[in-house]
Amino acid sequence: MASFDIKLIPKAQGKEIATYALKYAIGQVFELNLATKGYVEPTAANQKAWSLYERIGFVSKPRPTFLEPDETYLEITKALFRM
């Protein structure tokens, strides 16, 4: 399982940089068979992040018990990934 996170300074936001970078990273993880699924943990209030993750193919799922408690968990697999 791979954990993904992306942060951009305000000047870089809104230019599709996060979309490109995240898609590239996810694509490499799946292409190189480094993980069979990945996840992100956006804050519930960060609607821009949720929108990005959903466009790429992440879906909300029950949080695995081996992870520390958190308010959110979105997961992606190679089959769900929208390049």
PDB file of N, CA and C in Angstrom:
ATOM      1  N   MET A   1       0.838  -1.167   0.000  1.00  0.00           N
ATOM      2  CA  MET A   1       0.000   0.000   0.000  1.00  0.00           C
ATOM      3  C   MET A   1       0.888   1.235   0.000  1.00  0.00           C
ATOM      4  N   ALA A   2       0.510   2.205  -0.804  1.00  0.00           N
ATOM      5  CA  ALA A   2       1.261   3.457  -0.891  1.00  0.00           C
ATOM      6  C   ALA A   2       0.431   4.595  -0.305  1.00  0.00           C
ATOM      7  N   SER A   3       1.084   5.475   0.399  1.00  0.00           N
ATOM      8  CA  SER A   3       0.438   6.664   0.935  1.00  0.00           C
ATOM      9  C   SER A   3       0.852   7.856   0.077  1.00  0.00           C
ATOM     10  N   PHE A   4      -0.125   8.621  -0.379  1.00  0.00           N
ATOM     11  CA  PHE A   4       0.152   9.779  -1.219  1.00  0.00           C
ATOM     12  C   PHE A   4      -0.247  11.058  -0.494  1.00  0.00           C
ATOM     13  N   ASP A   5       0.511  12.120  -0.744  1.00  0.00           N
ATOM     14  CA  ASP A   5       0.193  13.433  -0.201  1.00  0.00           C
ATOM     15  C   ASP A   5       0.865  14.459  -1.093  1.00  0.00           C
ATOM     16  N   ILE A   6       0.211  15.575  -1.281  1.00  0.00           N
ATOM     17  CA  ILE A   6       0.807  16.625  -2.103  1.00  0.00           C
ATOM     18  C   ILE A   6       0.440  17.977  -1.506  1.00  0.00           C
ATOM     19  N   LYS A   7       1.413  18.835  -1.430  1.00  0.00           N
ATOM     20  CA  LYS A   7       1.216  20.194  -0.908  1.00  0.00           C
ATOM     21  C   LYS A   7       1.899  21.161  -1.876  1.00  0.00           C
ATOM     22  N   LEU A   8       1.208  22.228  -2.201  1.00  0.00           N
ATOM     23  CA  LEU A   8       1.769  23.246  -3.083  1.00  0.00           C
ATOM     24  C   LEU A   8       1.674  24.613  -2.413  1.00  0.00           C
ATOM     25  N   ILE A   9       2.677  25.434  -2.664  1.00  0.00           N
ATOM     26  CA  ILE A   9       2.608  26.805  -2.171  1.00  0.00           C
ATOM     27  C   ILE A   9       1.482  27.521  -2.935  1.00  0.00           C
ATOM     28  N   PRO A  10       0.886  28.539  -2.341  1.00  0.00           N
ATOM     29  CA  PRO A  10      -0.245  29.216  -2.992  1.00  0.00           C
ATOM     30  C   PRO A  10       0.032  29.661  -4.433  1.00  0.00           C
ATOM     31  N   LYS A  11       1.232  30.131  -4.704  1.00  0.00           N
ATOM     32  CA  LYS A  11       1.562  30.610  -6.057  1.00  0.00           C
ATOM     33  C   LYS A  11       1.453  29.499  -7.102  1.00  0.00           C
ATOM     34  N   ALA A  12       1.664  28.253  -6.694  1.00  0.00           N
ATOM     35  CA  ALA A  12       1.626  27.118  -7.627  1.00  0.00           C
ATOM     36  C   ALA A  12       0.244  26.479  -7.729  1.00  0.00           C
ATOM     37  N   GLN A  13      -0.663  26.868  -6.864  1.00  0.00           N
ATOM     38  CA  GLN A  13      -1.999  26.262  -6.855  1.00  0.00           C
ATOM     39  C   GLN A  13      -2.851  26.759  -8.014  1.00  0.00           C
ATOM     40  N   GLY A  14      -3.786  25.919  -8.444  1.00  0.00           N
ATOM     41  CA  GLY A  14      -4.713  26.289  -9.514  1.00  0.00           C
ATOM     42  C   GLY A  14      -4.130  26.202 -10.907  1.00  0.00           C
ATOM     43  N   LYS A  15      -3.003  25.528 -11.067  1.00  0.00           N
ATOM     44  CA  LYS A  15      -2.342  25.438 -12.366  1.00  0.00           C
ATOM     45  C   LYS A  15      -2.204  23.994 -12.856  1.00  0.00           C
ATOM     46  N   GLU A  16      -2.959  23.084 -12.234  1.00  0.00           N
ATOM     47  CA  GLU A  16      -2.949  21.661 -12.581  1.00  0.00           C
ATOM     48  C   GLU A  16      -1.633  20.954 -12.244  1.00  0.00           C
ATOM     49  N   ILE A  17      -0.767  21.602 -11.499  1.00  0.00           N
ATOM     50  CA  ILE A  17       0.510  20.996 -11.106  1.00  0.00           C
ATOM     51  C   ILE A  17       0.267  19.804 -10.190  1.00  0.00           C
ATOM     52  N   ALA A  18      -0.622  19.960  -9.228  1.00  0.00           N
ATOM     53  CA  ALA A  18      -0.911  18.866  -8.288  1.00  0.00           C
ATOM     54  C   ALA A  18      -1.501  17.672  -9.029  1.00  0.00           C
ATOM     55  N   THR A  19      -2.387  17.921  -9.973  1.00  0.00           N
ATOM     56  CA  THR A  19      -2.989  16.830 -10.745  1.00  0.00           C
ATOM     57  C   THR A  19      -1.916  16.074 -11.509  1.00  0.00           C
ATOM     58  N   TYR A  20      -1.073  16.807 -12.199  1.00  0.00           N
ATOM     59  CA  TYR A  20      -0.008  16.177 -12.980  1.00  0.00           C
ATOM     60  C   TYR A  20       0.937  15.381 -12.081  1.00  0.00           C
ATOM     61  N   ALA A  21       1.384  15.987 -10.997  1.00  0.00           N
ATOM     62  CA  ALA A  21       2.354  15.339 -10.115  1.00  0.00           C
ATOM     63  C   ALA A  21       1.769  14.100  -9.453  1.00  0.00           C
ATOM     64  N   LEU A  22       0.540  14.201  -8.980  1.00  0.00           N
ATOM     65  CA  LEU A  22      -0.087  13.063  -8.309  1.00  0.00           C
ATOM     66  C   LEU A  22      -0.352  11.929  -9.284  1.00  0.00           C
ATOM     67  N   LYS A  23      -0.856  12.261 -10.475  1.00  0.00           N
ATOM     68  CA  LYS A  23      -1.079  11.218 -11.482  1.00  0.00           C
ATOM     69  C   LYS A  23       0.234  10.529 -11.860  1.00  0.00           C
ATOM     70  N   TYR A  24       1.285  11.300 -11.985  1.00  0.00           N
ATOM     71  CA  TYR A  24       2.581  10.711 -12.324  1.00  0.00           C
ATOM     72  C   TYR A  24       3.037   9.759 -11.222  1.00  0.00           C
ATOM     73  N   ALA A  25       2.965  10.203  -9.987  1.00  0.00           N
ATOM     74  CA  ALA A  25       3.416   9.373  -8.864  1.00  0.00           C
ATOM     75  C   ALA A  25       2.591   8.086  -8.763  1.00  0.00           C
ATOM     76  N   ILE A  26       1.288   8.209  -8.865  1.00  0.00           N
ATOM     77  CA  ILE A  26       0.424   7.026  -8.799  1.00  0.00           C
ATOM     78  C   ILE A  26       0.699   6.095  -9.959  1.00  0.00           C
ATOM     79  N   GLY A  27       0.831   6.653 -11.149  1.00  0.00           N
ATOM     80  CA  GLY A  27       1.133   5.840 -12.329  1.00  0.00           C
ATOM     81  C   GLY A  27       2.423   5.057 -12.169  1.00  0.00           C
ATOM     82  N   GLN A  28       3.438   5.694 -11.631  1.00  0.00           N
ATOM     83  CA  GLN A  28       4.719   5.011 -11.418  1.00  0.00           C
ATOM     84  C   GLN A  28       4.597   3.885 -10.392  1.00  0.00           C
ATOM     85  N   VAL A  29       3.866   4.128  -9.321  1.00  0.00           N
ATOM     86  CA  VAL A  29       3.675   3.098  -8.292  1.00  0.00           C
ATOM     87  C   VAL A  29       3.011   1.863  -8.903  1.00  0.00           C
ATOM     88  N   PHE A  30       1.973   2.083  -9.697  1.00  0.00           N
ATOM     89  CA  PHE A  30       1.273   0.937 -10.290  1.00  0.00           C
ATOM     90  C   PHE A  30       2.068   0.304 -11.435  1.00  0.00           C
ATOM     91  N   GLU A  31       2.701   1.118 -12.263  1.00  0.00           N
ATOM     92  CA  GLU A  31       3.482   0.594 -13.394  1.00  0.00           C
ATOM     93  C   GLU A  31       4.660  -0.250 -12.919  1.00  0.00           C
ATOM     94  N   LEU A  32       5.290   0.167 -11.841  1.00  0.00           N
ATOM     95  CA  LEU A  32       6.453  -0.548 -11.321  1.00  0.00           C
ATOM     96  C   LEU A  32       6.072  -1.611 -10.277  1.00  0.00           C
ATOM     97  N   ASN A  33       4.753  -1.819 -10.119  1.00  0.00           N
ATOM     98  CA  ASN A  33       4.243  -2.815  -9.166  1.00  0.00           C
ATOM     99  C   ASN A  33       4.804  -2.613  -7.758  1.00  0.00           C
ATOM    100  N   LEU A  34       4.855  -1.372  -7.316  1.00  0.00           N
ATOM    101  CA  LEU A  34       5.360  -1.061  -5.985  1.00  0.00           C
ATOM    102  C   LEU A  34       4.279  -1.205  -4.913  1.00  0.00           C
ATOM    103  N   ALA A  35       3.017  -1.159  -5.335  1.00  0.00           N
ATOM    104  CA  ALA A  35       1.887  -1.329  -4.415  1.00  0.00           C
ATOM    105  C   ALA A  35       0.661  -1.710  -5.242  1.00  0.00           C
ATOM    106  N   THR A  36      -0.298  -2.347  -4.602  1.00  0.00           N
ATOM    107  CA  THR A  36      -1.539  -2.713  -5.302  1.00  0.00           C
ATOM    108  C   THR A  36      -2.648  -1.698  -5.054  1.00  0.00           C
ATOM    109  N   LYS A  37      -2.456  -0.847  -4.060  1.00  0.00           N
ATOM    110  CA  LYS A  37      -3.406   0.223  -3.809  1.00  0.00           C
ATOM    111  C   LYS A  37      -2.703   1.355  -3.072  1.00  0.00           C
ATOM    112  N   GLY A  38      -3.335   2.500  -3.097  1.00  0.00           N
ATOM    113  CA  GLY A  38      -2.794   3.666  -2.419  1.00  0.00           C
ATOM    114  C   GLY A  38      -3.905   4.385  -1.682  1.00  0.00           C
ATOM    115  N   TYR A  39      -3.508   5.311  -0.824  1.00  0.00           N
ATOM    116  CA  TYR A  39      -4.521   6.050  -0.077  1.00  0.00           C
ATOM    117  C   TYR A  39      -4.067   7.473   0.214  1.00  0.00           C
ATOM    118  N   VAL A  40      -5.067   8.301   0.504  1.00  0.00           N
ATOM    119  CA  VAL A  40      -4.846   9.674   0.935  1.00  0.00           C
ATOM    120  C   VAL A  40      -5.758   9.938   2.130  1.00  0.00           C
ATOM    121  N   GLU A  41      -5.434  10.966   2.893  1.00  0.00           N
ATOM    122  CA  GLU A  41      -6.198  11.318   4.087  1.00  0.00           C
ATOM    123  C   GLU A  41      -6.475  12.821   4.117  1.00  0.00           C
ATOM    124  N   PRO A  42      -7.273  13.319   3.177  1.00  0.00           N
ATOM    125  CA  PRO A  42      -7.538  14.759   3.166  1.00  0.00           C
ATOM    126  C   PRO A  42      -8.424  15.163   4.343  1.00  0.00           C
ATOM    127  N   THR A  43      -8.270  16.393   4.779  1.00  0.00           N
ATOM    128  CA  THR A  43      -9.178  16.877   5.815  1.00  0.00           C
ATOM    129  C   THR A  43     -10.565  17.026   5.201  1.00  0.00           C
ATOM    130  N   ALA A  44     -11.575  16.832   6.003  1.00  0.00           N
ATOM    131  CA  ALA A  44     -12.949  16.887   5.506  1.00  0.00           C
ATOM    132  C   ALA A  44     -13.285  18.240   4.884  1.00  0.00           C
ATOM    133  N   ALA A  45     -12.684  19.301   5.376  1.00  0.00           N
ATOM    134  CA  ALA A  45     -12.984  20.654   4.885  1.00  0.00           C
ATOM    135  C   ALA A  45     -12.269  21.017   3.587  1.00  0.00           C
ATOM    136  N   ASN A  46     -11.276  20.256   3.168  1.00  0.00           N
ATOM    137  CA  ASN A  46     -10.492  20.600   1.986  1.00  0.00           C
ATOM    138  C   ASN A  46     -11.170  20.075   0.717  1.00  0.00           C
ATOM    139  N   GLN A  47     -12.174  20.801   0.270  1.00  0.00           N
ATOM    140  CA  GLN A  47     -12.960  20.369  -0.881  1.00  0.00           C
ATOM    141  C   GLN A  47     -12.164  20.339  -2.190  1.00  0.00           C
ATOM    142  N   LYS A  48     -11.183  21.212  -2.329  1.00  0.00           N
ATOM    143  CA  LYS A  48     -10.354  21.186  -3.544  1.00  0.00           C
ATOM    144  C   LYS A  48      -9.564  19.887  -3.620  1.00  0.00           C
ATOM    145  N   ALA A  49      -9.022  19.446  -2.489  1.00  0.00           N
ATOM    146  CA  ALA A  49      -8.290  18.172  -2.466  1.00  0.00           C
ATOM    147  C   ALA A  49      -9.227  17.012  -2.771  1.00  0.00           C
ATOM    148  N   TRP A  50     -10.404  17.012  -2.147  1.00  0.00           N
ATOM    149  CA  TRP A  50     -11.375  15.930  -2.394  1.00  0.00           C
ATOM    150  C   TRP A  50     -11.729  15.866  -3.874  1.00  0.00           C
ATOM    151  N   SER A  51     -11.949  17.010  -4.469  1.00  0.00           N
ATOM    152  CA  SER A  51     -12.292  17.059  -5.895  1.00  0.00           C
ATOM    153  C   SER A  51     -11.167  16.465  -6.744  1.00  0.00           C
ATOM    154  N   LEU A  52      -9.943  16.852  -6.451  1.00  0.00           N
ATOM    155  CA  LEU A  52      -8.782  16.313  -7.171  1.00  0.00           C
ATOM    156  C   LEU A  52      -8.713  14.802  -7.013  1.00  0.00           C
ATOM    157  N   TYR A  53      -8.795  14.319  -5.788  1.00  0.00           N
ATOM    158  CA  TYR A  53      -8.675  12.885  -5.540  1.00  0.00           C
ATOM    159  C   TYR A  53      -9.789  12.100  -6.230  1.00  0.00           C
ATOM    160  N   GLU A  54     -11.006  12.606  -6.197  1.00  0.00           N
ATOM    161  CA  GLU A  54     -12.117  11.912  -6.842  1.00  0.00           C
ATOM    162  C   GLU A  54     -11.969  11.904  -8.366  1.00  0.00           C
ATOM    163  N   ARG A  55     -11.472  13.002  -8.947  1.00  0.00           N
ATOM    164  CA  ARG A  55     -11.238  13.044 -10.405  1.00  0.00           C
ATOM    165  C   ARG A  55     -10.229  11.991 -10.830  1.00  0.00           C
ATOM    166  N   ILE A  56      -9.230  11.745  -9.990  1.00  0.00           N
ATOM    167  CA  ILE A  56      -8.183  10.775 -10.310  1.00  0.00           C
ATOM    168  C   ILE A  56      -8.668   9.344 -10.120  1.00  0.00           C
ATOM    169  N   GLY A  57      -9.668   9.141  -9.258  1.00  0.00           N
ATOM    170  CA  GLY A  57     -10.213   7.804  -9.068  1.00  0.00           C
ATOM    171  C   GLY A  57     -10.267   7.298  -7.637  1.00  0.00           C
ATOM    172  N   PHE A  58      -9.851   8.110  -6.675  1.00  0.00           N
ATOM    173  CA  PHE A  58      -9.925   7.700  -5.276  1.00  0.00           C
ATOM    174  C   PHE A  58     -11.383   7.569  -4.845  1.00  0.00           C
ATOM    175  N   VAL A  59     -11.669   6.593  -3.991  1.00  0.00           N
ATOM    176  CA  VAL A  59     -13.007   6.402  -3.435  1.00  0.00           C
ATOM    177  C   VAL A  59     -12.906   6.280  -1.920  1.00  0.00           C
ATOM    178  N   SER A  60     -13.950   6.723  -1.242  1.00  0.00           N
ATOM    179  CA  SER A  60     -13.998   6.625   0.205  1.00  0.00           C
ATOM    180  C   SER A  60     -14.277   5.173   0.595  1.00  0.00           C
ATOM    181  N   LYS A  61     -13.492   4.674   1.518  1.00  0.00           N
ATOM    182  CA  LYS A  61     -13.635   3.295   1.990  1.00  0.00           C
ATOM    183  C   LYS A  61     -13.460   3.275   3.497  1.00  0.00           C
ATOM    184  N   PRO A  62     -13.877   2.183   4.144  1.00  0.00           N
ATOM    185  CA  PRO A  62     -13.606   2.075   5.580  1.00  0.00           C
ATOM    186  C   PRO A  62     -12.099   2.096   5.833  1.00  0.00           C
ATOM    187  N   ARG A  63     -11.708   2.767   6.862  1.00  0.00           N
ATOM    188  CA  ARG A  63     -10.298   2.906   7.205  1.00  0.00           C
ATOM    189  C   ARG A  63      -9.750   1.584   7.739  1.00  0.00           C
ATOM    190  N   PRO A  64      -8.636   1.097   7.184  1.00  0.00           N
ATOM    191  CA  PRO A  64      -8.034  -0.137   7.704  1.00  0.00           C
ATOM    192  C   PRO A  64      -7.648   0.017   9.174  1.00  0.00           C
ATOM    193  N   THR A  65      -7.803  -1.036   9.920  1.00  0.00           N
ATOM    194  CA  THR A  65      -7.534  -0.978  11.362  1.00  0.00           C
ATOM    195  C   THR A  65      -6.053  -0.841  11.690  1.00  0.00           C
ATOM    196  N   PHE A  66      -5.167  -1.190  10.749  1.00  0.00           N
ATOM    197  CA  PHE A  66      -3.733  -1.078  11.034  1.00  0.00           C
ATOM    198  C   PHE A  66      -3.221   0.354  10.939  1.00  0.00           C
ATOM    199  N   LEU A  67      -4.032   1.269  10.400  1.00  0.00           N
ATOM    200  CA  LEU A  67      -3.653   2.680  10.353  1.00  0.00           C
ATOM    201  C   LEU A  67      -4.130   3.375  11.615  1.00  0.00           C
ATOM    202  N   GLU A  68      -3.420   4.417  12.003  1.00  0.00           N
ATOM    203  CA  GLU A  68      -3.846   5.197  13.165  1.00  0.00           C
ATOM    204  C   GLU A  68      -5.190   5.853  12.855  1.00  0.00           C
ATOM    205  N   PRO A  69      -6.008   6.059  13.862  1.00  0.00           N
ATOM    206  CA  PRO A  69      -7.316   6.697  13.630  1.00  0.00           C
ATOM    207  C   PRO A  69      -7.161   8.077  12.980  1.00  0.00           C
ATOM    208  N   ASP A  70      -8.053   8.366  12.073  1.00  0.00           N
ATOM    209  CA  ASP A  70      -8.103   9.657  11.393  1.00  0.00           C
ATOM    210  C   ASP A  70      -9.525   9.841  10.901  1.00  0.00           C
ATOM    211  N   GLU A  71      -9.854  11.066  10.489  1.00  0.00           N
ATOM    212  CA  GLU A  71     -11.234  11.334  10.093  1.00  0.00           C
ATOM    213  C   GLU A  71     -11.571  10.870   8.676  1.00  0.00           C
ATOM    214  N   THR A  72     -10.588  10.735   7.805  1.00  0.00           N
ATOM    215  CA  THR A  72     -10.898  10.374   6.418  1.00  0.00           C
ATOM    216  C   THR A  72      -9.928   9.317   5.887  1.00  0.00           C
ATOM    217  N   TYR A  73     -10.381   8.652   4.837  1.00  0.00           N
ATOM    218  CA  TYR A  73      -9.551   7.651   4.160  1.00  0.00           C
ATOM    219  C   TYR A  73     -10.125   7.458   2.769  1.00  0.00           C
ATOM    220  N   LEU A  74      -9.341   7.752   1.755  1.00  0.00           N
ATOM    221  CA  LEU A  74      -9.723   7.520   0.370  1.00  0.00           C
ATOM    222  C   LEU A  74      -8.702   6.567  -0.233  1.00  0.00           C
ATOM    223  N   GLU A  75      -9.173   5.640  -1.034  1.00  0.00           N
ATOM    224  CA  GLU A  75      -8.298   4.591  -1.574  1.00  0.00           C
ATOM    225  C   GLU A  75      -8.377   4.555  -3.093  1.00  0.00           C
ATOM    226  N   ILE A  76      -7.283   4.110  -3.707  1.00  0.00           N
ATOM    227  CA  ILE A  76      -7.234   3.949  -5.161  1.00  0.00           C
ATOM    228  C   ILE A  76      -6.533   2.638  -5.483  1.00  0.00           C
ATOM    229  N   THR A  77      -7.005   1.989  -6.537  1.00  0.00           N
ATOM    230  CA  THR A  77      -6.345   0.795  -7.075  1.00  0.00           C
ATOM    231  C   THR A  77      -6.027   1.070  -8.539  1.00  0.00           C
ATOM    232  N   LYS A  78      -5.268   0.213  -9.143  1.00  0.00           N
ATOM    233  CA  LYS A  78      -4.925   0.381 -10.555  1.00  0.00           C
ATOM    234  C   LYS A  78      -6.187   0.408 -11.408  1.00  0.00           C
ATOM    235  N   ALA A  79      -7.177  -0.412 -11.066  1.00  0.00           N
ATOM    236  CA  ALA A  79      -8.428  -0.472 -11.834  1.00  0.00           C
ATOM    237  C   ALA A  79      -9.226   0.825 -11.725  1.00  0.00           C
ATOM    238  N   LEU A  80      -9.123   1.512 -10.605  1.00  0.00           N
ATOM    239  CA  LEU A  80      -9.863   2.764 -10.392  1.00  0.00           C
ATOM    240  C   LEU A  80      -9.126   3.984 -10.934  1.00  0.00           C
ATOM    241  N   PHE A  81      -7.839   3.871 -11.113  1.00  0.00           N
ATOM    242  CA  PHE A  81      -6.985   5.006 -11.472  1.00  0.00           C
ATOM    243  C   PHE A  81      -7.366   5.571 -12.843  1.00  0.00           C
ATOM    244  N   ARG A  82      -7.621   6.885 -12.863  1.00  0.00           N
ATOM    245  CA  ARG A  82      -7.955   7.581 -14.119  1.00  0.00           C
ATOM    246  C   ARG A  82      -6.771   8.437 -14.526  1.00  0.00           C
ATOM    247  N   MET A  83      -5.992   7.929 -15.426  1.00  0.00           N
ATOM    248  CA  MET A  83      -4.799   8.634 -15.892  1.00  0.00           C
ATOM    249  C   MET A  83      -5.228   9.798 -16.698  1.00  0.00           C
TER     250      MET A  83
END
